[in-house]
C-alpha atoms as a PDB file:
ATOM      1  CA  MET A   1     120.292  40.112 103.637  1.00  0.00           C
ATOM      2  CA  ALA A   2     123.348  41.787 105.137  1.00  0.00           C
ATOM      3  CA  PRO A   3     123.490  44.628 107.679  1.00  0.00           C
ATOM      4  CA  LEU A   4     124.801  47.880 106.270  1.00  0.00           C
ATOM      5  CA  ALA A   5     125.862  50.760 108.508  1.00  0.00           C
ATOM      6  CA  TYR A   6     124.728  54.266 107.628  1.00  0.00           C
ATOM      7  CA  ILE A   7     128.322  55.563 107.619  1.00  0.00           C
ATOM      8  CA  THR A   8     129.452  52.638 105.475  1.00  0.00           C
ATOM      9  CA  ALA A   9     126.761  53.394 102.908  1.00  0.00           C
ATOM     10  CA  LEU A  10     127.858  57.028 102.675  1.00  0.00           C
ATOM     11  CA  HIS A  11     131.490  55.952 102.409  1.00  0.00           C
ATOM     12  CA  GLN A  12     130.775  53.362  99.722  1.00  0.00           C
ATOM     13  CA  ALA A  13     128.683  55.768  97.660  1.00  0.00           C
ATOM     14  CA  LEU A  14     131.478  58.323  97.665  1.00  0.00           C
ATOM     15  CA  ARG A  15     134.141  55.697  96.943  1.00  0.00           C
ATOM     16  CA  ASP A  16     132.113  54.355  94.007  1.00  0.00           C
ATOM     17  CA  GLU A  17     131.701  57.820  92.491  1.00  0.00           C
ATOM     18  CA  MET A  18     135.396  58.591  92.860  1.00  0.00           C
ATOM     19  CA  ALA A  19     136.164  55.344  91.024  1.00  0.00           C
ATOM     20  CA  ARG A  20     133.631  56.095  88.308  1.00  0.00           C
ATOM     21  CA  ASP A  21     134.418  59.764  87.748  1.00  0.00           C
ATOM     22  CA  GLU A  22     137.920  61.169  88.179  1.00  0.00           C
ATOM     23  CA  ARG A  23     136.463  64.686  88.486  1.00  0.00           C
ATOM     24  CA  VAL A  24     135.039  63.860  91.931  1.00  0.00           C
ATOM     25  CA  CYS A  25     137.318  65.174  94.676  1.00  0.00           C
ATOM     26  CA  VAL A  26     136.984  65.678  98.425  1.00  0.00           C
ATOM     27  CA  LEU A  27     137.815  68.840 100.375  1.00  0.00           C
ATOM     28  CA  GLY A  28     137.592  69.380 104.122  1.00  0.00           C
ATOM     29  CA  GLU A  29     139.287  69.277 107.492  1.00  0.00           C
ATOM     30  CA  ASP A  30     140.921  65.932 108.386  1.00  0.00           C
ATOM     31  CA  VAL A  31     139.355  64.206 105.382  1.00  0.00           C
ATOM     32  CA  ARG A  32     142.537  62.204 104.745  1.00  0.00           C
ATOM     33  CA  LEU A  33     142.296  60.779 108.257  1.00  0.00           C
ATOM     34  CA  GLY A  34     138.591  60.144 107.731  1.00  0.00           C
ATOM     35  CA  LEU A  35     137.608  61.132 111.257  1.00  0.00           C
ATOM     36  CA  THR A  36     133.894  60.789 110.501  1.00  0.00           C
ATOM     37  CA  GLY A  37     134.452  57.438 108.776  1.00  0.00           C
ATOM     38  CA  ILE A  38     133.028  58.598 105.455  1.00  0.00           C
ATOM     39  CA  THR A  39     136.329  59.546 103.801  1.00  0.00           C
ATOM     40  CA  GLN A  40     138.501  56.955 105.550  1.00  0.00           C
ATOM     41  CA  GLY A  41     140.921  55.273 103.150  1.00  0.00           C
ATOM     42  CA  LEU A  42     140.009  57.452 100.169  1.00  0.00           C
ATOM     43  CA  ALA A  43     143.328  59.312 100.148  1.00  0.00           C
ATOM     44  CA  GLN A  44     145.193  56.009  99.957  1.00  0.00           C
ATOM     45  CA  ALA A  45     142.914  54.784  97.183  1.00  0.00           C
ATOM     46  CA  TYR A  46     142.756  57.917  95.025  1.00  0.00           C
ATOM     47  CA  GLY A  47     145.729  60.009  96.066  1.00  0.00           C
ATOM     48  CA  PRO A  48     146.306  63.291  97.902  1.00  0.00           C
ATOM     49  CA  GLU A  49     145.387  65.383  94.878  1.00  0.00           C
ATOM     50  CA  ARG A  50     141.771  64.205  95.020  1.00  0.00           C
ATOM     51  CA  VAL A  51     141.379  64.016  98.823  1.00  0.00           C
ATOM     52  CA  VAL A  52     142.703  67.300 100.150  1.00  0.00           C
ATOM     53  CA  ASP A  53     142.997  68.369 103.784  1.00  0.00           C
ATOM     54  CA  MET A  54     142.014  72.006 104.115  1.00  0.00           C
ATOM     55  CA  PRO A  55     143.128  74.564 106.717  1.00  0.00           C
ATOM     56  CA  LEU A  56     140.700  75.761 109.383  1.00  0.00           C
ATOM     57  CA  SER A  57     139.052  78.220 106.999  1.00  0.00           C
ATOM     58  CA  GLU A  58     135.653  76.988 105.874  1.00  0.00           C
ATOM     59  CA  GLN A  59     134.908  80.170 103.946  1.00  0.00           C
ATOM     60  CA  GLY A  60     138.128  79.737 102.000  1.00  0.00           C
ATOM     61  CA  PHE A  61     137.726  76.129 100.937  1.00  0.00           C
ATOM     62  CA  THR A  62     133.992  76.460 100.261  1.00  0.00           C
ATOM     63  CA  SER A  63     134.804  79.222  97.773  1.00  0.00           C
ATOM     64  CA  LEU A  64     137.611  77.041  96.385  1.00  0.00           C
ATOM     65  CA  ALA A  65     135.069  74.274  95.750  1.00  0.00           C
ATOM     66  CA  THR A  66     132.868  76.707  93.821  1.00  0.00           C
ATOM     67  CA  GLY A  67     135.757  77.653  91.558  1.00  0.00           C
ATOM     68  CA  ALA A  68     136.782  74.020  91.102  1.00  0.00           C
ATOM     69  CA  ALA A  69     133.227  73.095  90.102  1.00  0.00           C
ATOM     70  CA  MET A  70     133.050  75.950  87.616  1.00  0.00           C
ATOM     71  CA  ALA A  71     136.316  74.657  86.135  1.00  0.00           C
ATOM     72  CA  GLY A  72     134.849  71.192  85.592  1.00  0.00           C
ATOM     73  CA  GLN A  73     135.486  69.327  88.840  1.00  0.00           C
ATOM     74  CA  ARG A  74     132.803  67.781  91.064  1.00  0.00           C
ATOM     75  CA  PRO A  75     133.899  68.581  94.618  1.00  0.00           C
ATOM     76  CA  VAL A  76     132.471  67.043  97.763  1.00  0.00           C
ATOM     77  CA  VAL A  77     132.983  69.392 100.720  1.00  0.00           C
ATOM     78  CA  GLU A  78     132.747  67.786 104.150  1.00  0.00           C
ATOM     79  CA  PHE A  79     131.863  69.957 107.155  1.00  0.00           C
ATOM     80  CA  GLN A  80     132.574  68.517 110.603  1.00  0.00           C
ATOM     81  CA  ILE A  81     129.674  70.275 112.332  1.00  0.00           C
ATOM     82  CA  PRO A  82     126.419  71.701 110.916  1.00  0.00           C
ATOM     83  CA  SER A  83     126.877  75.201 112.348  1.00  0.00           C
ATOM     84  CA  LEU A  84     129.829  75.735 110.017  1.00  0.00           C
ATOM     85  CA  LEU A  85     127.234  76.150 107.287  1.00  0.00           C
ATOM     86  CA  TYR A  86     126.360  79.533 108.785  1.00  0.00           C
ATOM     87  CA  LEU A  87     129.927  80.680 108.132  1.00  0.00           C
ATOM     88  CA  VAL A  88     129.763  79.704 104.473  1.00  0.00           C
ATOM     89  CA  PHE A  89     126.128  80.493 103.735  1.00  0.00           C
ATOM     90  CA  GLU A  90     127.084  83.486 101.598  1.00  0.00           C
ATOM     91  CA  GLN A  91     129.400  81.358  99.458  1.00  0.00           C
ATOM     92  CA  ILE A  92     126.711  78.713  98.966  1.00  0.00           C
ATOM     93  CA  ALA A  93     123.479  80.723  98.724  1.00  0.00           C
ATOM     94  CA  ASN A  94     124.751  83.872  97.034  1.00  0.00           C
ATOM     95  CA  GLN A  95     127.531  82.450  94.873  1.00  0.00           C
ATOM     96  CA  ALA A  96     127.415  78.709  94.084  1.00  0.00           C
ATOM     97  CA  HIS A  97     123.617  78.549  93.993  1.00  0.00           C
ATOM     98  CA  LYS A  98     123.186  81.631  91.780  1.00  0.00           C
ATOM     99  CA  PHE A  99     125.965  81.292  89.194  1.00  0.00           C
ATOM    100  CA  SER A 100     123.896  79.053  86.914  1.00  0.00           C
ATOM    101  CA  LEU A 101     120.905  81.394  87.092  1.00  0.00           C
ATOM    102  CA  MET A 102     122.997  84.522  86.580  1.00  0.00           C
ATOM    103  CA  THR A 103     124.792  83.100  83.523  1.00  0.00           C
ATOM    104  CA  GLY A 104     121.720  81.719  81.824  1.00  0.00           C
ATOM    105  CA  GLY A 105     122.842  78.162  82.455  1.00  0.00           C
ATOM    106  CA  GLN A 106     126.259  78.658  80.867  1.00  0.00           C
ATOM    107  CA  VAL A 107     128.018  77.870  84.157  1.00  0.00           C
ATOM    108  CA  SER A 108     127.135  75.030  86.519  1.00  0.00           C
ATOM    109  CA  VAL A 109     128.410  74.471  90.053  1.00  0.00           C
ATOM    110  CA  PRO A 110     127.994  70.755  90.852  1.00  0.00           C
ATOM    111  CA  VAL A 111     129.227  70.820  94.458  1.00  0.00           C
ATOM    112  CA  THR A 112     128.022  68.457  97.175  1.00  0.00           C
ATOM    113  CA  TYR A 113     128.111  69.833 100.728  1.00  0.00           C
ATOM    114  CA  LEU A 114     128.235  66.848 103.056  1.00  0.00           C
ATOM    115  CA  VAL A 115     127.324  67.324 106.725  1.00  0.00           C
ATOM    116  CA  PRO A 116     127.924  64.101 108.695  1.00  0.00           C
ATOM    117  CA  GLY A 117     126.484  64.402 112.180  1.00  0.00           C
ATOM    118  CA  SER A 118     123.826  67.053 111.627  1.00  0.00           C
ATOM    119  CA  GLY A 119     121.345  67.714 114.404  1.00  0.00           C
ATOM    120  CA  SER A 120     121.580  67.109 118.139  1.00  0.00           C
ATOM    121  CA  ARG A 121     124.696  65.325 119.390  1.00  0.00           C
ATOM    122  CA  SER A 122     123.347  64.623 122.901  1.00  0.00           C
ATOM    123  CA  GLY A 123     125.117  67.163 125.047  1.00  0.00           C
ATOM    124  CA  MET A 124     127.240  69.016 122.478  1.00  0.00           C
ATOM    125  CA  ALA A 125     125.161  72.177 122.947  1.00  0.00           C
ATOM    126  CA  GLY A 126     124.140  75.017 120.689  1.00  0.00           C
ATOM    127  CA  GLN A 127     127.000  75.358 118.209  1.00  0.00           C
ATOM    128  CA  HIS A 128     127.116  71.639 117.382  1.00  0.00           C
ATOM    129  CA  SER A 129     123.446  70.637 117.365  1.00  0.00           C
ATOM    130  CA  ASP A 130     121.648  72.590 114.651  1.00  0.00           C
ATOM    131  CA  HIS A 131     119.873  70.944 111.731  1.00  0.00           C
ATOM    132  CA  PRO A 132     119.609  73.854 109.239  1.00  0.00           C
ATOM    133  CA  TYR A 133     118.169  72.109 106.184  1.00  0.00           C
ATOM    134  CA  SER A 134     115.153  74.460 106.124  1.00  0.00           C
ATOM    135  CA  LEU A 135     117.505  77.407 105.627  1.00  0.00           C
ATOM    136  CA  PHE A 136     118.834  75.885 102.398  1.00  0.00           C
ATOM    137  CA  ALA A 137     115.334  75.102 101.161  1.00  0.00           C
ATOM    138  CA  HIS A 138     114.354  78.715 101.796  1.00  0.00           C
ATOM    139  CA  VAL A 139     116.959  80.055  99.352  1.00  0.00           C
ATOM    140  CA  GLY A 140     116.182  77.373  96.755  1.00  0.00           C
ATOM    141  CA  SER A 141     119.258  75.211  97.205  1.00  0.00           C
ATOM    142  CA  ARG A 142     118.773  71.433  97.354  1.00  0.00           C
ATOM    143  CA  PRO A 143     119.069  69.956 100.844  1.00  0.00           C
ATOM    144  CA  TRP A 144     118.838  66.195 101.180  1.00  0.00           C
ATOM    145  CA  CYS A 145     118.111  64.569 104.539  1.00  0.00           C
ATOM    146  CA  ARG A 146     118.073  60.809 104.249  1.00  0.00           C
ATOM    147  CA  ARG A 147     116.978  58.216 106.747  1.00  0.00           C
ATOM    148  CA  ARG A 148     117.626  55.058 104.764  1.00  0.00           C
ATOM    149  CA  ARG A 149     121.016  53.464 104.269  1.00  0.00           C
ATOM    150  CA  ARG A 150     120.189  53.482 100.550  1.00  0.00           C
ATOM    151  CA  THR A 151     122.469  56.459 100.226  1.00  0.00           C
ATOM    152  CA  PRO A 152     121.913  59.251  97.651  1.00  0.00           C
ATOM    153  CA  THR A 153     124.803  58.204  95.427  1.00  0.00           C
ATOM    154  CA  GLY A 154     123.522  60.459  92.673  1.00  0.00           C
ATOM    155  CA  CYS A 155     124.050  63.604  94.738  1.00  0.00           C
ATOM    156  CA  TRP A 156     127.755  63.819  93.943  1.00  0.00           C
ATOM    157  CA  CYS A 157     127.868  62.541  90.404  1.00  0.00           C
ATOM    158  CA  PRO A 158     126.630  63.472  86.916  1.00  0.00           C
ATOM    159  CA  ARG A 159     123.661  61.122  87.327  1.00  0.00           C
ATOM    160  CA  CYS A 160     122.211  63.687  89.719  1.00  0.00           C
ATOM    161  CA  ALA A 161     119.126  65.329  88.249  1.00  0.00           C
ATOM    162  CA  THR A 162     120.692  68.783  88.592  1.00  0.00           C
ATOM    163  CA  PRO A 163     124.154  70.267  88.026  1.00  0.00           C
ATOM    164  CA  ASP A 164     123.510  72.710  90.874  1.00  0.00           C
ATOM    165  CA  PRO A 165     124.791  72.499  94.469  1.00  0.00           C
ATOM    166  CA  VAL A 166     123.324  69.845  96.754  1.00  0.00           C
ATOM    167  CA  ALA A 167     123.589  69.676 100.546  1.00  0.00           C
ATOM    168  CA  VAL A 168     123.479  66.200 102.121  1.00  0.00           C
ATOM    169  CA  PHE A 169     122.531  66.199 105.804  1.00  0.00           C
ATOM    170  CA  ALA A 170     123.429  62.930 107.538  1.00  0.00           C
ATOM    171  CA  PRO A 171     121.681  63.065 110.937  1.00  0.00           C
ATOM    172  CA  THR A 172     123.742  62.316 114.042  1.00  0.00           C
ATOM    173  CA  MET A 173     120.978  60.042 115.299  1.00  0.00           C
ATOM    174  CA  LEU A 174     121.643  57.679 112.363  1.00  0.00           C
ATOM    175  CA  MET A 175     125.436  57.755 112.195  1.00  0.00           C
ATOM    176  CA  GLY A 176     125.878  54.730 114.458  1.00  0.00           C
ATOM    177  CA  THR A 177     122.992  52.694 113.072  1.00  0.00           C
ATOM    178  CA  ALA A 178     122.822  49.783 110.623  1.00  0.00           C
ATOM    179  CA  GLU A 179     120.060  48.173 108.614  1.00  0.00           C
ATOM    180  CA  GLU A 180     119.603  45.046 106.556  1.00  0.00           C
ATOM    181  CA  VAL A 181     119.397  45.822 102.841  1.00  0.00           C
ATOM    182  CA  THR A 182     119.058  43.782  99.690  1.00  0.00           C
ATOM    183  CA  GLY A 183     119.947  44.519  96.092  1.00  0.00           C
ATOM    184  CA  GLU A 184     122.072  47.251  94.569  1.00  0.00           C
ATOM    185  CA  LEU A 185     122.099  50.652  96.253  1.00  0.00           C
ATOM    186  CA  GLY A 186     121.426  52.942  93.328  1.00  0.00           C
ATOM    187  CA  PRO A 187     120.824  56.700  93.164  1.00  0.00           C
ATOM    188  CA  VAL A 188     117.535  58.213  94.290  1.00  0.00           C
ATOM    189  CA  PRO A 189     116.098  61.069  92.180  1.00  0.00           C
ATOM    190  CA  LEU A 190     115.852  64.506  93.743  1.00  0.00           C
ATOM    191  CA  GLY A 191     112.286  65.373  94.704  1.00  0.00           C
ATOM    192  CA  SER A 192     111.224  61.756  95.209  1.00  0.00           C
ATOM    193  CA  ALA A 193     109.441  60.903  98.455  1.00  0.00           C
ATOM    194  CA  ARG A 194     108.978  57.400  99.852  1.00  0.00           C
ATOM    195  CA  VAL A 195     105.949  55.897 101.579  1.00  0.00           C
ATOM    196  CA  HIS A 196     107.402  53.709 104.342  1.00  0.00           C
ATOM    197  CA  ARG A 197     104.059  52.524 105.702  1.00  0.00           C
ATOM    198  CA  GLU A 198     100.642  52.748 104.126  1.00  0.00           C
ATOM    199  CA  GLY A 199      97.620  53.900 106.103  1.00  0.00           C
ATOM    200  CA  THR A 200      94.141  55.321 105.680  1.00  0.00           C
ATOM    201  CA  ASP A 201      93.442  57.709 108.591  1.00  0.00           C
ATOM    202  CA  VAL A 202      96.399  60.097 109.046  1.00  0.00           C
ATOM    203  CA  THR A 203      99.420  61.043 106.927  1.00  0.00           C
ATOM    204  CA  VAL A 204     102.584  61.579 108.961  1.00  0.00           C
ATOM    205  CA  VAL A 205     105.423  63.256 107.072  1.00  0.00           C
ATOM    206  CA  ALA A 206     108.667  62.509 108.935  1.00  0.00           C
ATOM    207  CA  VAL A 207     112.035  63.966 107.942  1.00  0.00           C
ATOM    208  CA  GLY A 208     115.331  62.066 108.095  1.00  0.00           C
ATOM    209  CA  HIS A 209     116.072  60.347 111.403  1.00  0.00           C
ATOM    210  CA  LEU A 210     112.491  60.933 112.568  1.00  0.00           C
ATOM    211  CA  VAL A 211     111.159  58.268 110.194  1.00  0.00           C
ATOM    212  CA  PRO A 212     111.887  55.438 112.693  1.00  0.00           C
ATOM    213  CA  THR A 213     110.042  57.424 115.395  1.00  0.00           C
ATOM    214  CA  ALA A 214     107.037  57.831 113.113  1.00  0.00           C
ATOM    215  CA  LEU A 215     107.053  54.126 112.262  1.00  0.00           C
ATOM    216  CA  GLN A 216     107.262  53.282 115.961  1.00  0.00           C
ATOM    217  CA  VAL A 217     104.257  55.470 116.775  1.00  0.00           C
ATOM    218  CA  ALA A 218     102.338  54.056 113.815  1.00  0.00           C
ATOM    219  CA  ALA A 219     102.942  50.531 115.101  1.00  0.00           C
ATOM    220  CA  GLU A 220     102.005  51.427 118.688  1.00  0.00           C
ATOM    221  CA  LEU A 221      98.750  53.106 117.603  1.00  0.00           C
ATOM    222  CA  ALA A 222      97.855  50.482 115.005  1.00  0.00           C
ATOM    223  CA  GLY A 223      94.823  49.335 117.007  1.00  0.00           C
ATOM    224  CA  GLU A 224      93.596  52.919 117.304  1.00  0.00           C
ATOM    225  CA  VAL A 225      94.444  54.591 113.976  1.00  0.00           C
ATOM    226  CA  SER A 226      95.877  53.675 110.571  1.00  0.00           C
ATOM    227  CA  ILE A 227      98.909  55.937 109.960  1.00  0.00           C
ATOM    228  CA  GLU A 228     100.641  56.429 106.621  1.00  0.00           C
ATOM    229  CA  VAL A 229     104.321  57.402 107.036  1.00  0.00           C
ATOM    230  CA  VAL A 230     105.916  59.455 104.249  1.00  0.00           C
ATOM    231  CA  ASP A 231     109.609  60.378 104.069  1.00  0.00           C
ATOM    232  CA  PRO A 232     110.179  63.395 101.749  1.00  0.00           C
ATOM    233  CA  ARG A 233     113.914  62.527 101.437  1.00  0.00           C
ATOM    234  CA  THR A 234     114.712  65.780  99.625  1.00  0.00           C
ATOM    235  CA  VAL A 235     113.727  68.881 101.557  1.00  0.00           C
ATOM    236  CA  TYR A 236     113.726  70.914  98.337  1.00  0.00           C
ATOM    237  CA  PRO A 237     112.264  70.174  95.893  1.00  0.00           C
ATOM    238  CA  VAL A 238     109.447  68.516  97.835  1.00  0.00           C
ATOM    239  CA  ASP A 239     107.577  65.649  96.203  1.00  0.00           C
ATOM    240  CA  TRP A 240     104.179  67.343  96.424  1.00  0.00           C
ATOM    241  CA  ALA A 241     102.552  64.714  94.207  1.00  0.00           C
ATOM    242  CA  THR A 242     103.279  61.860  96.626  1.00  0.00           C
ATOM    243  CA  LEU A 243     102.267  63.954  99.626  1.00  0.00           C
ATOM    244  CA  GLY A 244      99.083  65.047  97.862  1.00  0.00           C
ATOM    245  CA  GLU A 245      98.110  61.476  97.017  1.00  0.00           C
ATOM    246  CA  SER A 246      98.608  60.448 100.624  1.00  0.00           C
ATOM    247  CA  VAL A 247      96.586  63.335 102.082  1.00  0.00           C
ATOM    248  CA  ALA A 248      93.836  62.796  99.497  1.00  0.00           C
ATOM    249  CA  LYS A 249      93.468  59.311 100.947  1.00  0.00           C
ATOM    250  CA  THR A 250      93.678  60.172 104.661  1.00  0.00           C
ATOM    251  CA  GLY A 251      92.369  63.757 104.848  1.00  0.00           C
ATOM    252  CA  ARG A 252      94.589  64.435 107.879  1.00  0.00           C
ATOM    253  CA  LEU A 253      98.207  65.564 108.150  1.00  0.00           C
ATOM    254  CA  VAL A 254     100.937  65.705 110.797  1.00  0.00           C
ATOM    255  CA  VAL A 255     104.499  66.783 109.975  1.00  0.00           C
ATOM    256  CA  MET A 256     107.459  65.760 112.167  1.00  0.00           C
ATOM    257  CA  ASP A 257     110.467  67.949 111.484  1.00  0.00           C
ATOM    258  CA  ASP A 258     113.745  68.547 113.374  1.00  0.00           C
ATOM    259  CA  SER A 259     114.142  72.197 112.412  1.00  0.00           C
ATOM    260  CA  ASN A 260     113.008  75.182 114.460  1.00  0.00           C
ATOM    261  CA  ARG A 261     109.277  75.850 114.303  1.00  0.00           C
ATOM    262  CA  MET A 262     109.424  79.397 112.886  1.00  0.00           C
ATOM    263  CA  CYS A 263     109.924  79.264 109.080  1.00  0.00           C
ATOM    264  CA  GLY A 264     110.778  75.573 109.280  1.00  0.00           C
ATOM    265  CA  LEU A 265     110.011  72.829 106.770  1.00  0.00           C
ATOM    266  CA  GLY A 266     107.032  71.641 108.804  1.00  0.00           C
ATOM    267  CA  GLY A 267     105.325  75.017 108.494  1.00  0.00           C
ATOM    268  CA  GLU A 268     105.871  75.087 104.728  1.00  0.00           C
ATOM    269  CA  ILE A 269     104.322  71.646 104.268  1.00  0.00           C
ATOM    270  CA  LEU A 270     101.338  72.589 106.436  1.00  0.00           C
ATOM    271  CA  ALA A 271     100.831  75.858 104.535  1.00  0.00           C
ATOM    272  CA  THR A 272     100.888  74.112 101.156  1.00  0.00           C
ATOM    273  CA  ALA A 273      98.515  71.435 102.426  1.00  0.00           C
ATOM    274  CA  ALA A 274      96.102  74.094 103.675  1.00  0.00           C
ATOM    275  CA  GLU A 275      96.195  75.804 100.267  1.00  0.00           C
ATOM    276  CA  GLU A 276      96.104  72.759  98.013  1.00  0.00           C
ATOM    277  CA  TYR A 277      94.683  69.688  99.792  1.00  0.00           C
ATOM    278  CA  ALA A 278      91.221  68.770 101.006  1.00  0.00           C
ATOM    279  CA  LEU A 279      91.907  68.400 104.718  1.00  0.00           C
ATOM    280  CA  VAL A 280      89.119  67.273 107.042  1.00  0.00           C
ATOM    281  CA  ALA A 281      90.895  68.550 110.170  1.00  0.00           C
ATOM    282  CA  PRO A 282      93.463  71.276 110.938  1.00  0.00           C
ATOM    283  CA  PRO A 283      96.989  69.875 110.384  1.00  0.00           C
ATOM    284  CA  LYS A 284      99.622  69.665 113.125  1.00  0.00           C
ATOM    285  CA  ARG A 285     103.408  69.874 113.254  1.00  0.00           C
ATOM    286  CA  VAL A 286     105.943  68.466 115.680  1.00  0.00           C
ATOM    287  CA  SER A 287     109.250  70.330 115.640  1.00  0.00           C
ATOM    288  CA  ARG A 288     111.809  72.108 117.754  1.00  0.00           C
ATOM    289  CA  PRO A 289     110.421  75.235 119.474  1.00  0.00           C
ATOM    290  CA  ASP A 290     110.796  78.727 118.005  1.00  0.00           C
ATOM    291  CA  GLY A 291     114.426  79.845 118.056  1.00  0.00           C
ATOM    292  CA  ALA A 292     115.568  76.692 119.826  1.00  0.00           C
ATOM    293  CA  VAL A 293     119.200  76.650 121.003  1.00  0.00           C
ATOM    294  CA  ILE A 294     120.250  73.247 122.308  1.00  0.00           C
ATOM    295  CA  PRO A 295     121.814  73.437 125.806  1.00  0.00           C
ATOM    296  CA  TYR A 296     124.512  71.206 127.322  1.00  0.00           C
ATOM    297  CA  ALA A 297     122.183  69.556 129.856  1.00  0.00           C
ATOM    298  CA  LEU A 298     121.020  66.257 128.354  1.00  0.00           C
ATOM    299  CA  ALA A 299     117.536  66.483 129.822  1.00  0.00           C
ATOM    300  CA  LEU A 300     117.033  69.925 128.287  1.00  0.00           C
ATOM    301  CA  ASP A 301     118.644  68.809 125.000  1.00  0.00           C
ATOM    302  CA  HIS A 302     116.159  65.964 124.625  1.00  0.00           C
ATOM    303  CA  ALA A 303     113.223  68.085 125.809  1.00  0.00           C
ATOM    304  CA  LEU A 304     113.684  70.482 122.870  1.00  0.00           C
ATOM    305  CA  LEU A 305     113.694  67.767 120.207  1.00  0.00           C
ATOM    306  CA  PRO A 306     110.647  66.238 118.487  1.00  0.00           C
ATOM    307  CA  SER A 307     109.536  63.114 120.326  1.00  0.00           C
ATOM    308  CA  ALA A 308     107.297  60.080 119.965  1.00  0.00           C
ATOM    309  CA  ALA A 309     105.053  61.416 122.736  1.00  0.00           C
ATOM    310  CA  GLN A 310     104.561  64.708 120.877  1.00  0.00           C
ATOM    311  CA  LEU A 311     103.777  62.869 117.649  1.00  0.00           C
ATOM    312  CA  THR A 312     101.256  60.641 119.409  1.00  0.00           C
ATOM    313  CA  GLU A 313      99.537  63.723 120.846  1.00  0.00           C
ATOM    314  CA  ALA A 314      99.457  65.422 117.430  1.00  0.00           C
ATOM    315  CA  VAL A 315      97.982  62.357 115.711  1.00  0.00           C
ATOM    316  CA  ARG A 316      95.227  62.121 118.290  1.00  0.00           C
ATOM    317  CA  ALA A 317      94.552  65.855 117.946  1.00  0.00           C
ATOM    318  CA  VAL A 318      93.918  65.650 114.185  1.00  0.00           C
ATOM    319  CA  LEU A 319      91.579  62.697 114.776  1.00  0.00           C
ATOM    320  CA  LYS A 320      89.368  64.861 116.960  1.00  0.00           C
END
């Protein structure tokens, strides 16, 4: 076993795809310098024509990536902060996402939108701390929020299950972490959940960086309740089959989700479970509050985020 850093896994996946497919290129601000660590050294390895520093105009280079993809390239667009996605949402949701549908599949737009450092940055306040993956799921785009260092290599290459745009959210809480891994780090199919811990009493669905919190709570409550921890990995499409199998076994459901409560992923999973699954108790969700805007004060920042204490309370509530 060898420790592998989360950033290193993202970097290696992108480097491997650039070596394998000359159509893969990188666009973004300071990508040649590799300030986030993901694109570091790629300009030297593959040249300035494939790793291109863009001006401070996210709307401009996001549209450029759409055109490049339509012309046969496979761009990876790196955004330095998650809130920049609000600036370019029209280009992604109304243009890149819809071209294939509006042309009857004659045109594909295989762009990867990479957001390193999504979510709270511990004191970076409202415009740097959003985690808007639920917004992309709402319009039918394909957001990917991974916890494991087994990076979604397939998201920016032809092996991906879809030629449509994919958004990869790399949570800030994981950017400085490492994990021991074995074997080859291959692509993970879109819409494929993972059961991290098996249990019989309660299913906890934890998204992205919240998986370690769910595993921690499951271990702490092991003498009290048997918790199954499921990581959906792709926010859309959701692996309803895996979730359904888990809830069929446990009969109880808690969702832990780092998006705002109103219209967030947690609410969608609970609604589907209420419609489709045989629950023996009302389900619960742990999320940010409605309309949450993260403040500068660290204590308030942390108070607005999903926590182990909230998950513990929710698990005990569904047991009642």
